[in-house]
Amino acid sequence: MSDRSHSLLEIRPIIPSAKVTENMSSDERFQNITLRPVIKMQNELLLLVFQNYITKHKNSFYELGMQKRLFFIENAILKDIKFRNSLKGIIIGQFTTEEYILYIQNSSSLNKRMMQMVVERLKDQVQYFEITALQPA
């Protein structure tokens, strides 16, 4: 294992609920071993990137009710190809070389899992994007 791979694995959070069993699919195993810890580790950056996305879209997010805000999050990630690719880069850039080799074998399926996890994470933290959270203290 390279120094880079070792260092990346060292800084990842441990997620006790991310169980790995023998009868798991390879995608589910990759999700629990790699995606969940990387996405959790990148959470603060993902929040800031989405906050910037809101700003670049003229803050229309703040004019929406809660249900439409959740739809806005989902739509931004699933429909805006440039934004989605940016999010993928934030996550894939934290893979070890060994994980990247596994990832490219089934990237389409893993990308769907990855983006769905980011959507859910942002939706679960939608309160972070309240206007008061955006204004300097």
C-alpha atoms as a PDB file:
ATOM      1  CA  MET A   1       0.000   0.000   0.000  1.00  0.00           C
ATOM      2  CA  SER A   2       1.371   3.399  -0.950  1.00  0.00           C
ATOM      3  CA  ASP A   3       1.988   6.189   1.549  1.00  0.00           C
ATOM      4  CA  ARG A   4      -0.888   8.126  -0.027  1.00  0.00           C
ATOM      5  CA  SER A   5      -3.304   5.210   0.362  1.00  0.00           C
ATOM      6  CA  HIS A   6      -2.201   4.614   3.942  1.00  0.00           C
ATOM      7  CA  SER A   7      -2.586   8.312   4.814  1.00  0.00           C
ATOM      8  CA  LEU A   8      -6.058   8.512   3.252  1.00  0.00           C
ATOM      9  CA  LEU A   9      -7.269   5.472   5.192  1.00  0.00           C
ATOM     10  CA  GLU A  10      -5.827   6.866   8.429  1.00  0.00           C
ATOM     11  CA  ILE A  11      -7.835  10.099   8.297  1.00  0.00           C
ATOM     12  CA  ARG A  12     -11.204   8.561   7.421  1.00  0.00           C
ATOM     13  CA  PRO A  13     -13.861   8.395  10.083  1.00  0.00           C
ATOM     14  CA  ILE A  14     -14.883   4.976  11.341  1.00  0.00           C
ATOM     15  CA  ILE A  15     -18.584   4.293  10.902  1.00  0.00           C
ATOM     16  CA  PRO A  16     -19.623   1.471  13.246  1.00  0.00           C
ATOM     17  CA  SER A  17     -23.002   1.064  11.540  1.00  0.00           C
ATOM     18  CA  ALA A  18     -21.318   0.413   8.161  1.00  0.00           C
ATOM     19  CA  LYS A  19     -21.394  -3.354   8.441  1.00  0.00           C
ATOM     20  CA  VAL A  20     -19.729  -5.636   5.934  1.00  0.00           C
ATOM     21  CA  THR A  21     -20.967  -9.197   5.565  1.00  0.00           C
ATOM     22  CA  GLU A  22     -20.073 -12.117   3.335  1.00  0.00           C
ATOM     23  CA  ASN A  23     -23.374 -12.139   1.450  1.00  0.00           C
ATOM     24  CA  MET A  24     -23.152  -8.435   0.503  1.00  0.00           C
ATOM     25  CA  SER A  25     -22.859  -7.381  -3.124  1.00  0.00           C
ATOM     26  CA  SER A  26     -19.542  -5.868  -4.171  1.00  0.00           C
ATOM     27  CA  ASP A  27     -21.274  -2.508  -4.680  1.00  0.00           C
ATOM     28  CA  GLU A  28     -22.748  -2.558  -1.187  1.00  0.00           C
ATOM     29  CA  ARG A  29     -19.383  -3.563   0.255  1.00  0.00           C
ATOM     30  CA  PHE A  30     -17.693  -0.645  -1.576  1.00  0.00           C
ATOM     31  CA  GLN A  31     -20.427   1.662  -0.334  1.00  0.00           C
ATOM     32  CA  ASN A  32     -19.883   0.689   3.299  1.00  0.00           C
ATOM     33  CA  ILE A  33     -16.093   0.422   3.254  1.00  0.00           C
ATOM     34  CA  THR A  34     -15.274   3.410   1.024  1.00  0.00           C
ATOM     35  CA  LEU A  35     -18.173   5.687   0.084  1.00  0.00           C
ATOM     36  CA  ARG A  36     -19.754   6.178   3.492  1.00  0.00           C
ATOM     37  CA  PRO A  37     -16.503   7.119   5.275  1.00  0.00           C
ATOM     38  CA  VAL A  38     -15.315   9.375   2.419  1.00  0.00           C
ATOM     39  CA  ILE A  39     -18.648  11.191   2.142  1.00  0.00           C
ATOM     40  CA  LYS A  40     -18.782  11.644   5.904  1.00  0.00           C
ATOM     41  CA  MET A  41     -15.216  12.952   5.921  1.00  0.00           C
ATOM     42  CA  GLN A  42     -16.028  15.382   3.083  1.00  0.00           C
ATOM     43  CA  ASN A  43     -19.308  16.540   4.668  1.00  0.00           C
ATOM     44  CA  GLU A  44     -18.199  20.068   5.533  1.00  0.00           C
ATOM     45  CA  LEU A  45     -16.809  20.632   2.040  1.00  0.00           C
ATOM     46  CA  LEU A  46     -19.976  19.206   0.447  1.00  0.00           C
ATOM     47  CA  LEU A  47     -22.069  21.657   2.482  1.00  0.00           C
ATOM     48  CA  LEU A  48     -19.921  24.604   1.398  1.00  0.00           C
ATOM     49  CA  VAL A  49     -19.984  23.511  -2.236  1.00  0.00           C
ATOM     50  CA  PHE A  50     -23.781  23.276  -2.179  1.00  0.00           C
ATOM     51  CA  GLN A  51     -24.010  26.628  -0.387  1.00  0.00           C
ATOM     52  CA  ASN A  52     -21.967  28.104  -3.240  1.00  0.00           C
ATOM     53  CA  TYR A  53     -24.284  26.385  -5.752  1.00  0.00           C
ATOM     54  CA  ILE A  54     -27.264  28.118  -4.091  1.00  0.00           C
ATOM     55  CA  THR A  55     -25.487  31.472  -4.324  1.00  0.00           C
ATOM     56  CA  LYS A  56     -24.611  30.959  -7.988  1.00  0.00           C
ATOM     57  CA  HIS A  57     -28.280  30.270  -8.667  1.00  0.00           C
ATOM     58  CA  LYS A  58     -29.295  33.659  -7.291  1.00  0.00           C
ATOM     59  CA  ASN A  59     -30.384  32.321  -3.909  1.00  0.00           C
ATOM     60  CA  SER A  60     -33.713  31.117  -5.355  1.00  0.00           C
ATOM     61  CA  PHE A  61     -33.413  28.227  -2.888  1.00  0.00           C
ATOM     62  CA  TYR A  62     -34.474  30.589  -0.083  1.00  0.00           C
ATOM     63  CA  GLU A  63     -37.728  31.478  -1.791  1.00  0.00           C
ATOM     64  CA  LEU A  64     -38.853  27.849  -1.696  1.00  0.00           C
ATOM     65  CA  GLY A  65     -40.842  25.922   0.884  1.00  0.00           C
ATOM     66  CA  MET A  66     -39.263  22.931   2.584  1.00  0.00           C
ATOM     67  CA  GLN A  67     -40.525  20.299   0.125  1.00  0.00           C
ATOM     68  CA  LYS A  68     -39.318  22.330  -2.839  1.00  0.00           C
ATOM     69  CA  ARG A  69     -35.955  22.887  -1.162  1.00  0.00           C
ATOM     70  CA  LEU A  70     -35.530  19.140  -0.854  1.00  0.00           C
ATOM     71  CA  PHE A  71     -36.471  18.786  -4.514  1.00  0.00           C
ATOM     72  CA  PHE A  72     -33.990  21.577  -5.381  1.00  0.00           C
ATOM     73  CA  ILE A  73     -31.185  19.608  -3.690  1.00  0.00           C
ATOM     74  CA  GLU A  74     -32.105  16.416  -5.495  1.00  0.00           C
ATOM     75  CA  ASN A  75     -32.563  18.139  -8.842  1.00  0.00           C
ATOM     76  CA  ALA A  76     -29.257  20.025  -8.561  1.00  0.00           C
ATOM     77  CA  ILE A  77     -27.307  16.833  -7.951  1.00  0.00           C
ATOM     78  CA  LEU A  78     -29.116  14.513 -10.306  1.00  0.00           C
ATOM     79  CA  LYS A  79     -29.750  16.876 -13.241  1.00  0.00           C
ATOM     80  CA  ASP A  80     -26.875  19.393 -13.255  1.00  0.00           C
ATOM     81  CA  ILE A  81     -24.105  17.339 -14.895  1.00  0.00           C
ATOM     82  CA  LYS A  82     -21.311  19.837 -14.198  1.00  0.00           C
ATOM     83  CA  PHE A  83     -22.257  20.101 -10.532  1.00  0.00           C
ATOM     84  CA  ARG A  84     -22.625  16.336 -10.190  1.00  0.00           C
ATOM     85  CA  ASN A  85     -19.201  15.807 -11.765  1.00  0.00           C
ATOM     86  CA  SER A  86     -17.716  18.308  -9.337  1.00  0.00           C
ATOM     87  CA  LEU A  87     -19.217  16.394  -6.391  1.00  0.00           C
ATOM     88  CA  LYS A  88     -17.939  13.105  -7.787  1.00  0.00           C
ATOM     89  CA  GLY A  89     -14.452  14.609  -8.005  1.00  0.00           C
ATOM     90  CA  ILE A  90     -14.577  15.693  -4.366  1.00  0.00           C
ATOM     91  CA  ILE A  91     -15.329  12.098  -3.390  1.00  0.00           C
ATOM     92  CA  ILE A  92     -13.260  10.141  -5.914  1.00  0.00           C
ATOM     93  CA  GLY A  93     -10.224  12.294  -5.120  1.00  0.00           C
ATOM     94  CA  GLN A  94     -10.227  10.721  -1.655  1.00  0.00           C
ATOM     95  CA  PHE A  95     -10.069   7.130  -2.950  1.00  0.00           C
ATOM     96  CA  THR A  96      -6.932   5.098  -2.562  1.00  0.00           C
ATOM     97  CA  THR A  97      -5.484   3.764  -5.812  1.00  0.00           C
ATOM     98  CA  GLU A  98      -6.769   0.311  -4.858  1.00  0.00           C
ATOM     99  CA  GLU A  99     -10.286   1.681  -4.306  1.00  0.00           C
ATOM    100  CA  TYR A 100     -10.160   3.562  -7.587  1.00  0.00           C
ATOM    101  CA  ILE A 101      -9.339   0.326  -9.416  1.00  0.00           C
ATOM    102  CA  LEU A 102     -12.414  -1.271  -7.819  1.00  0.00           C
ATOM    103  CA  TYR A 103     -14.509   1.817  -8.565  1.00  0.00           C
ATOM    104  CA  ILE A 104     -13.774   1.908 -12.301  1.00  0.00           C
ATOM    105  CA  GLN A 105     -14.930  -1.692 -12.669  1.00  0.00           C
ATOM    106  CA  ASN A 106     -18.496  -0.642 -11.917  1.00  0.00           C
ATOM    107  CA  SER A 107     -18.443   3.153 -11.904  1.00  0.00           C
ATOM    108  CA  SER A 108     -21.964   3.629 -13.277  1.00  0.00           C
ATOM    109  CA  SER A 109     -23.648   1.745 -10.446  1.00  0.00           C
ATOM    110  CA  LEU A 110     -21.318   3.207  -7.827  1.00  0.00           C
ATOM    111  CA  ASN A 111     -21.903   6.752  -9.116  1.00  0.00           C
ATOM    112  CA  LYS A 112     -25.642   6.282  -8.586  1.00  0.00           C
ATOM    113  CA  ARG A 113     -25.057   5.100  -5.027  1.00  0.00           C
ATOM    114  CA  MET A 114     -22.600   7.922  -4.384  1.00  0.00           C
ATOM    115  CA  MET A 115     -24.895  10.677  -5.621  1.00  0.00           C
ATOM    116  CA  GLN A 116     -27.900   9.263  -3.791  1.00  0.00           C
ATOM    117  CA  MET A 117     -25.878   9.254  -0.578  1.00  0.00           C
ATOM    118  CA  VAL A 118     -24.856  12.896  -1.131  1.00  0.00           C
ATOM    119  CA  VAL A 119     -28.476  13.868  -1.869  1.00  0.00           C
ATOM    120  CA  GLU A 120     -29.655  12.233   1.365  1.00  0.00           C
ATOM    121  CA  ARG A 121     -26.819  13.766   3.380  1.00  0.00           C
ATOM    122  CA  LEU A 122     -27.620  17.277   2.135  1.00  0.00           C
ATOM    123  CA  LYS A 123     -31.356  16.796   2.629  1.00  0.00           C
ATOM    124  CA  ASP A 124     -30.738  15.605   6.192  1.00  0.00           C
ATOM    125  CA  GLN A 125     -28.791  18.827   6.837  1.00  0.00           C
ATOM    126  CA  VAL A 126     -31.058  21.240   4.946  1.00  0.00           C
ATOM    127  CA  GLN A 127     -31.233  23.463   8.042  1.00  0.00           C
ATOM    128  CA  TYR A 128     -27.555  24.306   7.447  1.00  0.00           C
ATOM    129  CA  PHE A 129     -28.603  26.361   4.447  1.00  0.00           C
ATOM    130  CA  GLU A 130     -30.896  28.716   6.296  1.00  0.00           C
ATOM    131  CA  ILE A 131     -30.153  32.342   5.444  1.00  0.00           C
ATOM    132  CA  THR A 132     -28.982  33.017   9.000  1.00  0.00           C
ATOM    133  CA  ALA A 133     -26.334  30.307   8.583  1.00  0.00           C
ATOM    134  CA  LEU A 134     -25.022  32.096   5.496  1.00  0.00           C
ATOM    135  CA  GLN A 135     -24.590  35.523   7.048  1.00  0.00           C
ATOM    136  CA  PRO A 136     -21.321  36.355   8.782  1.00  0.00           C
ATOM    137  CA  ALA A 137     -21.430  36.482  12.564  1.00  0.00           C
END
